[in-house]
């Protein structure tokens, strides 16, 4: 049996930790949950160390979180970018944004 793709957001001191899958299957709910967490806790770091799977929708989600933080006057640094997500950002021409 194939397990559905899932993600998890966890608040840590100064950080929002993301784990699991950031994919087409999870992007919409992750985007909304991340925006809520950014407003609630105003973390300085978006930690992607636990991301196990990401696609273009996951990249778009990360970029949207960064844009949301900027709109709210926050500075959000991305840490521990998975190799695949970093490569996707580079190929897409948006690596300087993350």
N, C-alpha and C. Protein backbone atom coordinates (compact mmCIF):
# COMPACT_ATOMS: atom_id res chain seq x y z
N UNK A 1 0.83 -1.17 0.00
CA UNK A 1 0.00 0.00 0.00
C UNK A 1 0.88 1.24 0.00
N UNK A 2 0.58 2.19 -0.86
CA UNK A 2 1.34 3.43 -0.95
C UNK A 2 0.79 4.42 0.09
N UNK A 3 1.69 4.96 0.87
CA UNK A 3 1.31 5.95 1.87
C UNK A 3 1.15 7.32 1.20
N UNK A 4 0.14 8.10 1.58
CA UNK A 4 -0.01 9.43 1.02
C UNK A 4 1.13 10.32 1.48
N UNK A 5 1.50 11.27 0.62
CA UNK A 5 2.55 12.22 0.96
C UNK A 5 2.06 13.12 2.09
N UNK A 6 2.89 13.30 3.08
CA UNK A 6 2.55 14.17 4.20
C UNK A 6 3.72 15.08 4.52
N UNK A 7 3.42 16.13 5.23
CA UNK A 7 4.44 17.05 5.69
C UNK A 7 4.12 17.37 7.15
N UNK A 8 5.08 18.00 7.82
CA UNK A 8 4.86 18.43 9.18
C UNK A 8 5.61 19.73 9.40
N UNK A 9 4.98 20.66 10.09
CA UNK A 9 5.61 21.90 10.49
C UNK A 9 5.74 21.88 12.00
N UNK A 10 6.91 22.23 12.50
CA UNK A 10 7.13 22.25 13.94
C UNK A 10 7.79 23.56 14.33
N UNK A 11 7.23 24.22 15.32
CA UNK A 11 7.82 25.44 15.82
C UNK A 11 8.97 25.08 16.75
N UNK A 12 10.08 25.75 16.57
CA UNK A 12 11.23 25.61 17.46
C UNK A 12 11.68 27.02 17.79
N UNK A 13 12.47 27.21 18.82
CA UNK A 13 12.91 28.56 19.16
C UNK A 13 13.58 29.24 17.96
N UNK A 14 12.92 30.27 17.45
CA UNK A 14 13.48 31.03 16.33
C UNK A 14 13.38 30.38 14.98
N UNK A 15 12.74 29.22 14.89
CA UNK A 15 12.72 28.49 13.62
C UNK A 15 11.37 27.83 13.37
N UNK A 16 11.10 27.65 12.10
CA UNK A 16 9.99 26.83 11.66
C UNK A 16 10.61 25.65 10.93
N UNK A 17 10.45 24.45 11.50
CA UNK A 17 11.05 23.25 10.92
C UNK A 17 10.03 22.53 10.06
N UNK A 18 10.45 22.21 8.84
CA UNK A 18 9.59 21.53 7.89
C UNK A 18 10.13 20.13 7.68
N UNK A 19 9.25 19.13 7.70
CA UNK A 19 9.69 17.76 7.44
C UNK A 19 8.65 17.06 6.57
N UNK A 20 9.09 15.99 5.93
CA UNK A 20 8.20 15.22 5.08
C UNK A 20 8.23 15.71 3.65
N UNK A 21 7.11 15.59 2.98
CA UNK A 21 7.01 15.89 1.55
C UNK A 21 6.42 17.27 1.30
N UNK A 22 7.11 18.06 0.48
CA UNK A 22 6.57 19.31 -0.04
C UNK A 22 6.37 19.09 -1.53
N UNK A 23 5.19 18.64 -1.88
CA UNK A 23 4.89 18.24 -3.25
C UNK A 23 3.53 18.78 -3.67
N UNK A 24 3.15 18.47 -4.92
CA UNK A 24 1.84 18.87 -5.39
C UNK A 24 0.74 18.40 -4.45
N UNK A 25 0.92 17.24 -3.86
CA UNK A 25 -0.09 16.67 -2.97
C UNK A 25 -0.24 17.42 -1.66
N UNK A 26 0.82 18.10 -1.22
CA UNK A 26 0.80 18.76 0.09
C UNK A 26 0.92 20.27 0.03
N UNK A 27 1.27 20.83 -1.11
CA UNK A 27 1.63 22.24 -1.21
C UNK A 27 0.54 23.19 -0.71
N UNK A 28 -0.69 22.99 -1.10
CA UNK A 28 -1.75 23.93 -0.73
C UNK A 28 -1.94 24.00 0.79
N UNK A 29 -2.03 22.85 1.43
CA UNK A 29 -2.22 22.87 2.89
C UNK A 29 -0.96 23.32 3.61
N UNK A 30 0.21 22.94 3.09
CA UNK A 30 1.47 23.38 3.70
C UNK A 30 1.62 24.89 3.60
N UNK A 31 1.24 25.45 2.47
CA UNK A 31 1.33 26.90 2.28
C UNK A 31 0.52 27.62 3.34
N UNK A 32 -0.71 27.22 3.53
CA UNK A 32 -1.58 27.88 4.50
C UNK A 32 -1.08 27.68 5.92
N UNK A 33 -0.69 26.45 6.25
CA UNK A 33 -0.18 26.18 7.60
C UNK A 33 1.10 26.96 7.87
N UNK A 34 1.96 27.07 6.87
CA UNK A 34 3.21 27.83 7.03
C UNK A 34 2.95 29.30 7.23
N UNK A 35 2.02 29.85 6.48
CA UNK A 35 1.68 31.27 6.66
C UNK A 35 1.18 31.54 8.07
N UNK A 36 0.33 30.65 8.56
CA UNK A 36 -0.19 30.80 9.91
C UNK A 36 0.94 30.73 10.94
N UNK A 37 1.84 29.78 10.77
CA UNK A 37 2.96 29.63 11.70
C UNK A 37 3.89 30.85 11.64
N UNK A 38 4.11 31.39 10.46
CA UNK A 38 4.97 32.57 10.32
C UNK A 38 4.36 33.77 11.05
N UNK A 39 3.07 33.92 10.97
CA UNK A 39 2.43 35.04 11.64
C UNK A 39 2.37 34.84 13.15
N UNK A 40 2.19 33.61 13.57
CA UNK A 40 2.06 33.31 14.99
C UNK A 40 3.40 33.44 15.72
N UNK A 41 4.46 32.93 15.13
CA UNK A 41 5.73 32.84 15.86
C UNK A 41 6.84 33.73 15.33
N UNK A 42 6.69 34.26 14.13
CA UNK A 42 7.69 35.14 13.53
C UNK A 42 9.12 34.57 13.63
N UNK A 43 9.33 33.33 13.15
CA UNK A 43 10.67 32.72 13.22
C UNK A 43 11.65 33.43 12.30
N UNK A 44 12.93 33.31 12.60
CA UNK A 44 13.98 33.90 11.77
C UNK A 44 14.51 32.90 10.76
N UNK A 45 14.28 31.61 11.00
CA UNK A 45 14.84 30.56 10.15
C UNK A 45 13.74 29.59 9.71
N UNK A 46 13.80 29.24 8.44
CA UNK A 46 12.96 28.19 7.87
C UNK A 46 13.89 27.01 7.66
N UNK A 47 13.77 26.00 8.50
CA UNK A 47 14.68 24.85 8.49
C UNK A 47 14.06 23.72 7.68
N UNK A 48 14.70 23.39 6.56
CA UNK A 48 14.19 22.36 5.65
C UNK A 48 14.92 21.03 5.78
N UNK A 49 15.66 20.83 6.86
CA UNK A 49 16.46 19.62 7.02
C UNK A 49 15.63 18.35 6.95
N UNK A 50 14.39 18.40 7.39
CA UNK A 50 13.56 17.20 7.42
C UNK A 50 12.77 16.94 6.15
N UNK A 51 12.92 17.78 5.14
CA UNK A 51 12.17 17.58 3.89
C UNK A 51 12.74 16.36 3.17
N UNK A 52 11.89 15.38 2.93
CA UNK A 52 12.33 14.13 2.31
C UNK A 52 12.01 14.06 0.83
N UNK A 53 11.08 14.90 0.39
CA UNK A 53 10.67 14.90 -1.01
C UNK A 53 10.17 16.30 -1.35
N UNK A 54 10.57 16.82 -2.51
CA UNK A 54 10.11 18.13 -2.94
C UNK A 54 10.06 18.17 -4.46
N UNK A 55 9.08 18.91 -4.96
CA UNK A 55 8.97 19.12 -6.40
C UNK A 55 8.75 20.61 -6.64
N UNK A 56 8.36 20.98 -7.84
CA UNK A 56 8.20 22.40 -8.16
C UNK A 56 7.13 23.07 -7.28
N UNK A 57 6.12 22.33 -6.90
CA UNK A 57 5.10 22.90 -6.00
C UNK A 57 5.70 23.15 -4.62
N UNK A 58 6.58 22.29 -4.18
CA UNK A 58 7.28 22.50 -2.91
C UNK A 58 8.17 23.72 -2.96
N UNK A 59 8.87 23.89 -4.07
CA UNK A 59 9.71 25.07 -4.26
C UNK A 59 8.84 26.33 -4.24
N UNK A 60 7.72 26.29 -4.93
CA UNK A 60 6.81 27.44 -4.94
C UNK A 60 6.30 27.74 -3.53
N UNK A 61 6.08 26.72 -2.75
CA UNK A 61 5.62 26.91 -1.37
C UNK A 61 6.67 27.63 -0.55
N UNK A 62 7.92 27.20 -0.66
CA UNK A 62 9.02 27.85 0.07
C UNK A 62 9.13 29.31 -0.36
N UNK A 63 9.07 29.57 -1.66
CA UNK A 63 9.15 30.95 -2.16
C UNK A 63 7.98 31.79 -1.66
N UNK A 64 6.80 31.19 -1.60
CA UNK A 64 5.63 31.92 -1.10
C UNK A 64 5.77 32.23 0.39
N UNK A 65 6.33 31.30 1.17
CA UNK A 65 6.57 31.58 2.58
C UNK A 65 7.54 32.75 2.74
N UNK A 66 8.59 32.76 1.94
CA UNK A 66 9.56 33.85 2.00
C UNK A 66 8.91 35.18 1.64
N UNK A 67 8.08 35.18 0.61
CA UNK A 67 7.38 36.40 0.20
C UNK A 67 6.42 36.87 1.29
N UNK A 68 5.72 35.93 1.91
CA UNK A 68 4.79 36.26 2.98
C UNK A 68 5.54 36.90 4.15
N UNK A 69 6.66 36.33 4.51
CA UNK A 69 7.46 36.89 5.60
C UNK A 69 7.90 38.31 5.26
N UNK A 70 8.38 38.52 4.04
CA UNK A 70 8.80 39.87 3.62
C UNK A 70 7.64 40.86 3.71
N UNK A 71 6.46 40.45 3.27
CA UNK A 71 5.29 41.32 3.33
C UNK A 71 4.96 41.73 4.76
N UNK A 72 5.27 40.86 5.70
CA UNK A 72 5.00 41.13 7.11
C UNK A 72 6.18 41.80 7.81
N UNK A 73 7.21 42.17 7.04
CA UNK A 73 8.37 42.84 7.62
C UNK A 73 9.34 41.92 8.30
N UNK A 74 9.26 40.63 8.04
CA UNK A 74 10.15 39.65 8.66
C UNK A 74 11.33 39.35 7.73
N UNK A 75 12.44 39.02 8.33
CA UNK A 75 13.57 38.48 7.60
C UNK A 75 13.60 36.99 7.91
N UNK A 76 13.47 36.16 6.88
CA UNK A 76 13.42 34.72 7.05
C UNK A 76 14.55 34.10 6.25
N UNK A 77 15.43 33.38 6.91
CA UNK A 77 16.55 32.71 6.28
C UNK A 77 16.23 31.24 6.11
N UNK A 78 16.53 30.70 4.94
CA UNK A 78 16.30 29.28 4.69
C UNK A 78 17.57 28.51 5.03
N UNK A 79 17.42 27.46 5.82
CA UNK A 79 18.55 26.63 6.22
C UNK A 79 18.32 25.18 5.81
N UNK A 80 19.41 24.48 5.58
CA UNK A 80 19.39 23.05 5.30
C UNK A 80 18.51 22.69 4.11
N UNK A 81 18.75 23.38 3.01
CA UNK A 81 17.99 23.13 1.79
C UNK A 81 18.39 21.77 1.22
N UNK A 82 17.44 20.88 1.02
CA UNK A 82 17.77 19.57 0.44
C UNK A 82 18.38 19.73 -0.95
N UNK A 83 19.30 18.86 -1.28
CA UNK A 83 20.03 18.93 -2.55
C UNK A 83 19.10 18.99 -3.75
N UNK A 84 18.07 18.17 -3.77
CA UNK A 84 17.15 18.15 -4.89
C UNK A 84 16.38 19.45 -5.04
N UNK A 85 15.98 20.03 -3.92
CA UNK A 85 15.26 21.29 -3.96
C UNK A 85 16.18 22.43 -4.40
N UNK A 86 17.40 22.38 -3.94
CA UNK A 86 18.39 23.38 -4.35
C UNK A 86 18.66 23.29 -5.85
N UNK A 87 18.78 22.08 -6.37
CA UNK A 87 19.01 21.88 -7.80
C UNK A 87 17.81 22.38 -8.61
N UNK A 88 16.61 22.12 -8.13
CA UNK A 88 15.40 22.58 -8.80
C UNK A 88 15.35 24.11 -8.83
N UNK A 89 15.73 24.73 -7.74
CA UNK A 89 15.76 26.20 -7.68
C UNK A 89 16.79 26.75 -8.66
N UNK A 90 17.93 26.09 -8.75
CA UNK A 90 18.98 26.54 -9.67
C UNK A 90 18.51 26.43 -11.11
N UNK A 91 17.93 25.30 -11.49
CA UNK A 91 17.45 25.08 -12.84
C UNK A 91 16.31 26.06 -13.17
N UNK A 92 15.52 26.39 -12.17
CA UNK A 92 14.38 27.30 -12.37
C UNK A 92 14.79 28.78 -12.36
N UNK A 93 16.05 29.03 -12.03
CA UNK A 93 16.54 30.40 -12.01
C UNK A 93 16.13 31.21 -10.78
N UNK A 94 15.79 30.52 -9.69
CA UNK A 94 15.36 31.23 -8.49
C UNK A 94 16.24 30.94 -7.28
N UNK A 95 17.40 30.36 -7.51
CA UNK A 95 18.26 29.97 -6.38
C UNK A 95 18.69 31.16 -5.54
N UNK A 96 18.79 32.34 -6.14
CA UNK A 96 19.20 33.51 -5.35
C UNK A 96 18.08 33.98 -4.40
N UNK A 97 16.87 33.50 -4.63
CA UNK A 97 15.75 33.89 -3.77
C UNK A 97 15.68 33.06 -2.50
N UNK A 98 16.30 31.88 -2.52
CA UNK A 98 16.26 31.06 -1.31
C UNK A 98 17.64 31.02 -0.72
